Amino acid sequence: MKMGNGDECLQRFGQLCRAFYESSLLLHTSSSSLSSIQEEKKMDRIPYDNEMKKKEADGKIVIETLNRISVICSIIVNVEHQHSISSLQESLSSLRHEHTLVVERHHDLLMECGLLDADRFMESSCSQNYGEEGCSLQKYFHVRDAMRRRAHKVSMLHRRNSFFELLSESSAIMTNPSESFQSRLTQRKNVQDTLSTIQNFVNKYQSNIGSHPFLAGLQRIVDLQLTPKSNHRRSSKDPSYVVRWKFHGSVLTEACRSCCGQDNGNGDDELAYAREAIQVMFSFLIWVKDIDVEGGDLVVPVIENEIGLDMMSLSSCQNDNLQEEPILSFEIDKYISNANLRRILLVLPNPKCLDARATGSVAVLDTIRSDPKTTSDRNDINVVLRKNADGHQDEQWPWFGRWEYCTLL
C-alpha cells in the first residue's frame, strides 16, 4: 500500500533520528591508531561519512524542533486552564519566535518531516493530507524513542565487536611463532617492559573511577596466584596451582567514553582505553579463548513496521542474543615466576586506594582433574600447568632489583 504524506514525513523523521542517535553513541577511533589497510578503507568511506554527518546535523535540528513544538502545545493547554497567563504568554511568544526562525533557515528539511506548522499538532483532527492521527505528537515521539532504543543497542554491539577486533589482533601478535613465550617473561628486559606498561596505565587511568574495577581485578588475580587461601592444599610454587579470572567484556567497553579525553592524552580516540587495557592484560596474562562467549558478528534483529522504518524489535524472544554479554577468561602466563609476579603487584594500586571492587570472579582451578579422560568439565580440560613458578628459568636480577619498583615513603 502506498504511504501517505504523513507516513512519508514520519519515515523521514525516523531516518534522521536514527542517524543522529547512532552517530552520537558509536565509538570513534583516531586515524593514528588505524593500520594502513584500515586507513584506506576509511578514506573510501569519506563521501559516505560526510553524508552521515549531514544527516546527523539534520537529525539534531528535527529532534530539537519536535521538543520545541511539544513545549508550545503544552503551554497552550495550560493557558486554557489558567487565569494568570502573562508569563506563559511570554514564554509561548518566545518559543513561537524561535520556531519561526528555525523554519526560515531549514524550511525544506522541516517540511519533509512534517514539522513546519506547530499549530496543526493542536488540532483535534488532522487534515486529509496527513491521514488520521498522522500529525499526532505521540506518533512522532514513538518513532523518536524507537530510534533511540535501536541506537543504544547498535552502539553496544559496535563497542563489543570493536573490542573483540582489538582482542583478536593482540592475540594474533602474541601467538606469533617467531616470538618466544618463554623469553617473554623470563628475561629481565621483557619483564621491565611489562612493568612499565602496567605502571603507565595505572598512572594514566587510576584517577578515573571507571578504571577501578579492572585495576582491582588485575590486583586480585596476581594476589591470589601468589597467596593461596589458608585452607588450600597447594602452595603458590606448585605448578598445578592455577588461577583464572573471568569477567564481562563490558567492564572495558563501557568505560571507554568515561576514560576518553584530552586529560588522558587520548584525544578523540574513544577506543584508546580498551586498547591499552588489552595491552596490559597481554603483557603478563594469557587469554583462554575456548570458554569465552565470543562477540562475533552479531546482527541487530529488526522488523518492518507499518510506516516502513526498520524499528528494533522489543520482544524478548527476538533480543535474547543481545543479553548475552561476552565473558573473557584470563590466566597468569605460564612462564612468569612468582618473583616477577611480586614485582607486578608492586606497580598495581592497593585495593584500599580504589573505589570499586574487582570485576568478575577469580577462582582456583581444579587441575588435579584436568585429564580429559577423567573429567567432563570443559574448563578443566583447558588448564595448562605453570612452567616457571619457582623462577628457575628467570634471568638473574641484580641485588638492587627488588627495590627498583618499590614506593618510597
Protein backbone atom coordinates (compact mmCIF):
# COMPACT_ATOMS: atom_id res chain seq x y z
CA MET A 1 0.00 0.00 0.00
CA LYS A 2 1.33 3.41 -0.96
CA MET A 3 2.23 5.61 2.01
CA GLY A 4 0.53 8.92 2.51
CA ASN A 5 2.27 12.23 3.11
CA GLY A 6 2.05 11.74 6.87
CA ASP A 7 3.75 8.36 6.68
CA GLU A 8 6.46 9.78 4.43
CA CYS A 9 7.09 12.58 6.93
CA LEU A 10 7.35 10.12 9.81
CA GLN A 11 9.69 7.88 7.84
CA ARG A 12 11.98 10.81 7.00
CA PHE A 13 11.86 11.97 10.62
CA GLY A 14 12.76 8.46 11.81
CA GLN A 15 15.70 8.19 9.41
CA LEU A 16 17.16 11.45 10.69
CA CYS A 17 16.61 10.47 14.33
CA ARG A 18 18.40 7.21 13.71
CA ALA A 19 21.36 8.95 12.05
CA PHE A 20 21.66 11.41 14.93
CA TYR A 21 21.47 8.87 17.77
CA GLU A 22 23.70 6.27 16.16
CA SER A 23 26.38 8.80 15.28
CA SER A 24 26.28 10.23 18.81
CA LEU A 25 26.64 6.85 20.53
CA LEU A 26 29.16 4.99 18.37
CA LEU A 27 32.79 4.97 19.48
CA HIS A 28 35.28 6.87 17.35
CA THR A 29 38.88 5.86 16.63
CA SER A 30 41.66 8.30 15.83
CA SER A 31 43.45 7.96 12.50
CA SER A 32 46.80 7.43 14.24
CA SER A 33 45.56 4.17 15.75
CA LEU A 34 44.49 2.65 12.41
CA SER A 35 46.52 0.26 10.29
CA SER A 36 47.30 1.21 6.67
CA ILE A 37 44.55 -1.08 5.36
CA GLN A 38 42.03 0.35 7.81
CA GLU A 39 43.12 3.87 6.83
CA GLU A 40 42.48 3.10 3.13
CA LYS A 41 39.02 1.80 3.98
CA LYS A 42 38.36 4.94 5.99
CA MET A 43 39.39 7.13 3.02
CA ASP A 44 36.96 5.22 0.80
CA ARG A 45 34.18 5.96 3.28
CA ILE A 46 34.71 9.73 3.35
CA PRO A 47 31.82 10.59 0.95
CA TYR A 48 29.51 8.28 2.91
CA ASP A 49 30.70 9.72 6.24
CA ASN A 50 30.10 13.28 5.03
CA GLU A 51 26.55 12.32 4.11
CA MET A 52 26.04 10.78 7.55
CA LYS A 53 27.35 13.94 9.23
CA LYS A 54 24.78 15.94 7.27
CA LYS A 55 22.03 13.54 8.40
CA GLU A 56 23.29 13.75 11.98
CA ALA A 57 23.08 17.57 11.92
CA ASP A 58 19.63 17.42 10.34
CA GLY A 59 18.55 14.87 12.95
CA LYS A 60 19.54 17.20 15.75
CA ILE A 61 17.51 20.01 14.17
CA VAL A 62 14.30 17.97 13.76
CA ILE A 63 14.54 16.48 17.28
CA GLU A 64 15.00 19.94 18.79
CA THR A 65 12.10 21.21 16.70
CA LEU A 66 9.84 18.39 17.90
CA ASN A 67 10.76 19.16 21.50
CA ARG A 68 10.01 22.84 20.95
CA ILE A 69 6.62 22.05 19.38
CA SER A 70 5.83 19.78 22.31
CA VAL A 71 6.52 22.62 24.78
CA ILE A 72 4.41 25.01 22.70
CA CYS A 73 1.47 22.60 22.76
CA SER A 74 1.88 22.07 26.49
CA ILE A 75 1.85 25.81 27.19
CA ILE A 76 -1.25 26.31 25.04
CA VAL A 77 -3.07 23.63 27.03
CA ASN A 78 -2.01 25.25 30.33
CA VAL A 79 -3.12 28.69 29.15
CA GLU A 80 -6.61 27.36 28.52
CA HIS A 81 -6.89 26.19 32.14
CA GLN A 82 -5.28 29.12 33.99
CA HIS A 83 -6.34 32.69 34.71
CA SER A 84 -2.87 34.19 35.26
CA ILE A 85 -1.33 33.65 31.86
CA SER A 86 1.01 36.60 31.30
CA SER A 87 4.22 34.66 31.98
CA LEU A 88 3.00 31.72 29.93
CA GLN A 89 2.11 34.00 27.05
CA GLU A 90 5.59 35.48 27.11
CA SER A 91 7.16 32.01 27.00
CA LEU A 92 4.79 30.98 24.23
CA SER A 93 5.63 34.07 22.21
CA SER A 94 9.35 33.44 22.63
CA LEU A 95 9.07 29.79 21.57
CA ARG A 96 6.96 30.67 18.53
CA HIS A 97 9.57 33.22 17.50
CA GLU A 98 12.31 30.59 17.82
CA HIS A 99 10.25 28.17 15.75
CA THR A 100 9.73 30.80 13.05
CA LEU A 101 13.48 31.44 12.82
CA VAL A 102 14.24 27.72 12.55
CA VAL A 103 11.59 27.33 9.84
CA GLU A 104 13.15 30.16 7.86
CA ARG A 105 16.58 28.51 7.99
CA HIS A 106 15.51 24.90 7.49
CA HIS A 107 12.22 25.15 5.65
CA ASP A 108 12.69 22.22 3.27
CA LEU A 109 14.00 19.92 6.00
CA LEU A 110 11.12 20.60 8.37
CA MET A 111 8.61 20.29 5.54
CA GLU A 112 9.98 16.83 4.72
CA CYS A 113 9.39 15.81 8.34
CA GLY A 114 6.00 17.49 8.71
CA LEU A 115 7.25 19.89 11.40
CA LEU A 116 6.64 23.24 9.68
CA ASP A 117 3.37 24.13 11.40
CA ALA A 118 3.32 23.79 15.17
CA ASP A 119 -0.38 24.65 15.42
CA ARG A 120 -1.53 21.64 13.44
CA PHE A 121 -0.48 19.40 16.33
CA MET A 122 -3.10 21.15 18.49
CA GLU A 123 -5.97 20.45 16.16
CA SER A 124 -8.41 17.83 17.32
CA SER A 125 -8.45 16.22 13.89
CA CYS A 126 -5.80 16.27 11.18
CA SER A 127 -6.15 17.35 7.62
CA GLN A 128 -6.75 14.74 4.96
CA ASN A 129 -3.23 15.16 3.60
CA TYR A 130 -1.68 13.70 6.72
CA GLY A 131 -4.22 10.95 7.35
CA GLU A 132 -5.92 10.06 10.60
CA GLU A 133 -3.59 10.53 13.59
CA GLY A 134 -0.76 11.35 11.17
CA CYS A 135 0.07 14.61 12.91
CA SER A 136 -0.11 13.23 16.43
CA LEU A 137 2.79 14.20 18.66
CA GLN A 138 2.64 10.77 20.23
CA LYS A 139 3.34 9.15 16.89
CA TYR A 140 6.45 11.28 16.45
CA PHE A 141 7.55 10.52 20.00
CA HIS A 142 7.07 6.82 19.35
CA VAL A 143 9.33 6.96 16.29
CA ARG A 144 11.95 9.07 18.10
CA ASP A 145 12.07 6.76 21.14
CA ALA A 146 12.22 3.63 18.98
CA MET A 147 15.18 5.03 17.05
CA ARG A 148 16.93 5.97 20.29
CA ARG A 149 16.47 2.46 21.71
CA ARG A 150 17.75 0.98 18.48
CA ALA A 151 20.81 3.25 18.50
CA HIS A 152 21.70 2.18 22.05
CA LYS A 153 21.62 -1.48 21.03
CA VAL A 154 23.61 -0.83 17.86
CA SER A 155 26.24 1.11 19.81
CA MET A 156 26.50 -1.72 22.35
CA LEU A 157 27.16 -4.21 19.55
CA HIS A 158 29.58 -1.80 17.88
CA ARG A 159 31.62 -1.44 21.08
CA ARG A 160 31.55 -5.20 21.60
CA ASN A 161 32.71 -6.02 18.08
CA SER A 162 35.36 -3.29 18.10
CA PHE A 163 36.67 -4.66 21.38
CA PHE A 164 36.88 -8.23 20.07
CA GLU A 165 38.70 -6.99 16.97
CA LEU A 166 41.32 -5.39 19.24
CA LEU A 167 41.44 -8.54 21.35
CA SER A 168 41.93 -10.80 18.33
CA GLU A 169 44.64 -8.54 16.89
CA SER A 170 46.56 -8.61 20.17
CA SER A 171 46.13 -12.36 20.45
CA ALA A 172 47.48 -12.86 16.93
CA ILE A 173 50.56 -10.82 17.76
CA MET A 174 51.18 -12.72 20.99
CA THR A 175 50.84 -16.13 19.27
CA ASN A 176 53.29 -15.21 16.51
CA PRO A 177 55.54 -18.28 16.01
CA SER A 178 58.61 -16.05 15.70
CA GLU A 179 58.14 -14.88 19.28
CA SER A 180 59.32 -16.97 22.20
CA PHE A 181 56.78 -17.23 25.01
CA GLN A 182 59.47 -18.42 27.37
CA SER A 183 61.77 -15.42 26.91
CA ARG A 184 58.83 -13.00 27.02
CA LEU A 185 58.60 -13.11 30.82
CA THR A 186 61.83 -14.74 31.92
CA GLN A 187 64.25 -12.16 30.51
CA ARG A 188 64.81 -9.14 32.72
CA LYS A 189 64.31 -6.57 29.93
CA ASN A 190 60.97 -8.06 28.91
CA VAL A 191 59.76 -8.09 32.50
CA GLN A 192 60.81 -4.46 32.86
CA ASP A 193 58.82 -3.59 29.72
CA THR A 194 55.79 -5.31 31.23
CA LEU A 195 56.18 -3.39 34.46
CA SER A 196 56.48 -0.10 32.56
CA THR A 197 53.34 -0.90 30.53
CA ILE A 198 51.34 -1.55 33.70
CA GLN A 199 52.79 1.42 35.55
CA ASN A 200 52.00 3.81 32.68
CA PHE A 201 48.42 2.52 32.50
CA VAL A 202 47.94 2.95 36.25
CA ASN A 203 49.38 6.47 36.23
CA LYS A 204 47.18 7.43 33.28
CA TYR A 205 43.83 5.99 34.37
CA GLN A 206 43.77 5.46 38.14
CA SER A 207 42.34 8.95 38.63
CA ASN A 208 39.25 7.85 36.68
CA ILE A 209 36.90 5.69 38.73
CA GLY A 210 35.75 3.89 35.57
CA SER A 211 39.07 2.01 35.54
CA HIS A 212 38.93 0.87 39.18
CA PRO A 213 37.02 -2.44 38.72
CA PHE A 214 39.56 -3.51 36.09
CA LEU A 215 42.58 -2.43 38.14
CA ALA A 216 41.19 -4.19 41.20
CA GLY A 217 40.69 -7.34 39.11
CA LEU A 218 44.31 -7.28 37.96
CA GLN A 219 45.48 -6.94 41.55
CA ARG A 220 43.19 -9.74 42.68
CA ILE A 221 44.35 -12.38 40.18
CA VAL A 222 48.01 -11.67 40.89
CA ASP A 223 47.48 -11.66 44.65
CA LEU A 224 45.53 -14.93 44.65
CA GLN A 225 48.12 -16.58 42.40
CA LEU A 226 50.82 -15.59 44.87
CA THR A 227 48.88 -16.20 48.07
CA PRO A 228 46.62 -19.27 48.18
CA LYS A 229 43.88 -19.22 50.77
CA SER A 230 44.85 -20.70 54.11
CA ASN A 231 42.68 -23.77 53.64
CA HIS A 232 44.04 -24.59 50.19
CA ARG A 233 46.03 -27.80 49.81
CA ARG A 234 48.54 -26.46 47.25
CA SER A 235 51.20 -23.77 47.53
CA SER A 236 51.86 -20.95 45.08
CA LYS A 237 55.02 -22.75 43.91
CA ASP A 238 53.02 -25.79 42.85
CA PRO A 239 52.79 -25.80 39.02
CA SER A 240 49.26 -27.20 39.26
CA TYR A 241 48.09 -24.20 41.27
CA VAL A 242 46.41 -22.13 38.52
CA VAL A 243 44.09 -19.15 38.97
CA ARG A 244 41.61 -18.00 36.32
CA TRP A 245 39.94 -14.59 36.08
CA LYS A 246 36.58 -14.35 34.30
CA PHE A 247 34.80 -11.05 33.68
CA HIS A 248 32.39 -9.38 31.28
CA GLY A 249 33.93 -7.51 28.36
CA SER A 250 31.64 -4.57 29.03
CA VAL A 251 33.80 -3.57 32.00
CA LEU A 252 36.25 -2.30 29.38
CA THR A 253 33.96 -1.24 26.54
CA GLU A 254 31.54 0.71 28.75
CA ALA A 255 34.43 2.58 30.39
CA CYS A 256 35.80 3.76 27.04
CA ARG A 257 33.87 7.04 26.97
CA SER A 258 34.45 7.94 30.63
CA CYS A 259 38.19 7.30 30.26
CA CYS A 260 38.46 9.19 26.97
CA GLY A 261 39.52 12.83 26.87
CA GLN A 262 42.30 15.31 26.43
CA ASP A 263 43.30 14.90 30.08
CA ASN A 264 44.42 11.34 29.31
CA GLY A 265 46.03 12.28 26.01
CA ASN A 266 43.53 10.15 24.06
CA GLY A 267 42.01 12.98 22.07
CA ASP A 268 39.07 11.67 20.03
CA ASP A 269 40.19 8.04 20.17
CA GLU A 270 37.44 6.52 22.30
CA LEU A 271 38.91 3.02 21.98
CA ALA A 272 42.25 4.07 23.48
CA TYR A 273 41.32 2.86 26.99
CA ALA A 274 40.22 -0.59 25.80
CA ARG A 275 43.30 -0.88 23.59
CA GLU A 276 45.68 -0.03 26.42
CA ALA A 277 43.84 -2.28 28.88
CA ILE A 278 44.24 -5.17 26.43
CA GLN A 279 47.93 -4.34 26.12
CA VAL A 280 48.25 -4.55 29.90
CA MET A 281 46.46 -7.91 30.08
CA PHE A 282 48.50 -9.49 27.30
CA SER A 283 51.72 -8.27 28.90
CA PHE A 284 51.53 -10.95 31.60
CA LEU A 285 48.24 -12.84 31.17
CA ILE A 286 47.08 -15.37 28.56
CA TRP A 287 43.63 -15.37 27.01
CA VAL A 288 41.71 -18.62 27.39
CA LYS A 289 39.61 -18.32 24.25
CA ASP A 290 37.90 -21.70 24.17
CA ILE A 291 35.50 -20.97 27.02
CA ASP A 292 34.58 -17.40 26.16
CA VAL A 293 31.28 -16.19 24.75
CA GLU A 294 32.62 -14.68 21.54
CA GLY A 295 31.30 -11.33 20.39
CA GLY A 296 31.25 -12.39 16.75
CA ASP A 297 29.35 -10.59 14.04
CA LEU A 298 26.15 -10.15 15.98
CA VAL A 299 23.22 -8.89 13.92
CA VAL A 300 20.69 -6.46 15.31
CA PRO A 301 17.24 -8.02 14.80
CA VAL A 302 14.86 -5.60 13.11
CA ILE A 303 11.27 -5.67 11.92
CA GLU A 304 9.47 -3.54 9.38
CA ASN A 305 6.71 -1.52 11.00
CA GLU A 306 3.65 -0.03 9.39
CA ILE A 307 5.47 3.01 8.02
CA GLY A 308 8.47 1.16 6.64
CA LEU A 309 11.03 2.00 9.33
CA ASP A 310 13.37 -0.79 10.39
CA MET A 311 12.39 -0.49 14.03
CA MET A 312 14.19 -2.52 16.67
CA SER A 313 12.05 -5.41 17.85
CA LEU A 314 11.40 -5.06 21.53
CA SER A 315 10.14 -8.60 22.11
CA SER A 316 12.38 -10.55 24.48
CA CYS A 317 12.34 -13.64 22.28
CA GLN A 318 13.99 -11.76 19.41
CA ASN A 319 16.54 -9.99 21.58
CA ASP A 320 17.91 -12.84 23.69
CA ASN A 321 21.25 -12.78 21.89
CA LEU A 322 21.71 -9.12 22.83
CA GLN A 323 21.51 -10.00 26.51
CA GLU A 324 24.46 -12.43 26.32
CA GLU A 325 27.49 -10.42 27.30
CA PRO A 326 30.85 -11.77 26.17
CA ILE A 327 32.80 -13.30 29.04
CA LEU A 328 36.58 -13.04 28.98
CA SER A 329 38.83 -15.56 30.71
CA PHE A 330 42.48 -14.97 31.54
CA GLU A 331 45.19 -16.86 33.40
CA ILE A 332 48.68 -15.91 34.52
CA ASP A 333 51.29 -16.50 31.82
CA LYS A 334 52.81 -19.96 32.37
CA TYR A 335 56.39 -18.70 32.18
CA ILE A 336 56.16 -15.84 34.68
CA SER A 337 57.64 -16.62 38.06
CA ASN A 338 56.26 -15.73 41.46
CA ALA A 339 59.18 -13.32 41.94
CA ASN A 340 58.15 -11.36 38.86
CA LEU A 341 54.50 -11.51 39.89
CA ARG A 342 55.50 -9.81 43.13
CA ARG A 343 57.15 -7.07 41.07
CA ILE A 344 53.88 -6.63 39.15
CA LEU A 345 51.95 -6.44 42.41
CA LEU A 346 54.19 -3.55 43.47
CA VAL A 347 53.16 -1.39 40.49
CA LEU A 348 49.44 -2.17 40.77
CA PRO A 349 47.41 0.07 43.09
CA ASN A 350 46.46 -1.13 46.55
CA PRO A 351 42.77 -2.16 46.62
CA LYS A 352 42.29 0.26 49.53
CA CYS A 353 43.10 3.10 47.12
CA LEU A 354 40.38 2.05 44.67
CA ASP A 355 36.69 2.96 44.88
CA ALA A 356 35.36 -0.26 43.38
CA ARG A 357 35.61 -3.99 43.90
CA ALA A 358 37.37 -6.28 41.47
CA THR A 359 35.23 -7.05 38.45
CA GLY A 360 34.33 -10.64 37.65
CA SER A 361 35.40 -13.73 39.55
CA VAL A 362 38.82 -15.15 40.32
CA ALA A 363 38.92 -18.85 41.10
CA VAL A 364 41.48 -21.60 41.62
CA LEU A 365 41.09 -24.33 39.01
CA ASP A 366 40.84 -27.98 39.91
CA THR A 367 43.86 -29.05 37.88
CA ILE A 368 44.03 -32.42 39.62
CA ARG A 369 41.04 -33.49 37.47
CA SER A 370 42.42 -31.92 34.28
CA ASP A 371 42.82 -35.25 32.45
CA PRO A 372 40.18 -35.25 29.65
CA LYS A 373 39.61 -38.98 30.22
CA THR A 374 38.55 -38.47 33.81
CA THR A 375 36.55 -35.27 33.65
CA SER A 376 33.68 -33.80 31.71
CA ASP A 377 34.33 -30.27 32.92
CA ARG A 378 35.28 -28.28 29.84
CA ASN A 379 37.01 -25.58 31.90
CA ASP A 380 39.37 -28.11 33.47
CA ILE A 381 40.34 -29.66 30.14
CA ASN A 382 41.87 -26.32 29.03
CA VAL A 383 44.18 -25.98 32.02
CA VAL A 384 47.90 -25.68 31.27
CA LEU A 385 50.21 -26.05 34.27
CA ARG A 386 52.70 -23.34 35.18
CA LYS A 387 56.23 -23.93 33.93
CA ASN A 388 58.32 -21.43 35.90
CA ALA A 389 56.58 -20.74 39.20
CA ASP A 390 59.81 -21.10 41.19
CA GLY A 391 61.78 -18.88 38.76
CA HIS A 392 64.34 -21.49 37.71
CA GLN A 393 64.20 -20.18 34.11
CA ASP A 394 64.47 -16.49 35.06
CA GLU A 395 67.41 -14.33 34.13
CA GLN A 396 69.06 -13.25 37.35
CA TRP A 397 68.31 -9.74 38.55
CA PRO A 398 70.90 -7.55 40.33
CA TRP A 399 70.68 -7.40 44.10
CA PHE A 400 69.02 -3.94 43.98
CA GLY A 401 66.38 -5.13 41.51
CA ARG A 402 63.93 -5.92 44.29
CA TRP A 403 63.85 -2.22 45.29
CA GLU A 404 63.52 -0.83 41.76
CA TYR A 405 59.71 -0.69 41.78
CA CYS A 406 59.11 -0.03 45.47
CA THR A 407 57.26 3.10 46.54
CA LEU A 408 59.42 5.38 48.64
CA LEU A 409 57.70 6.78 51.71
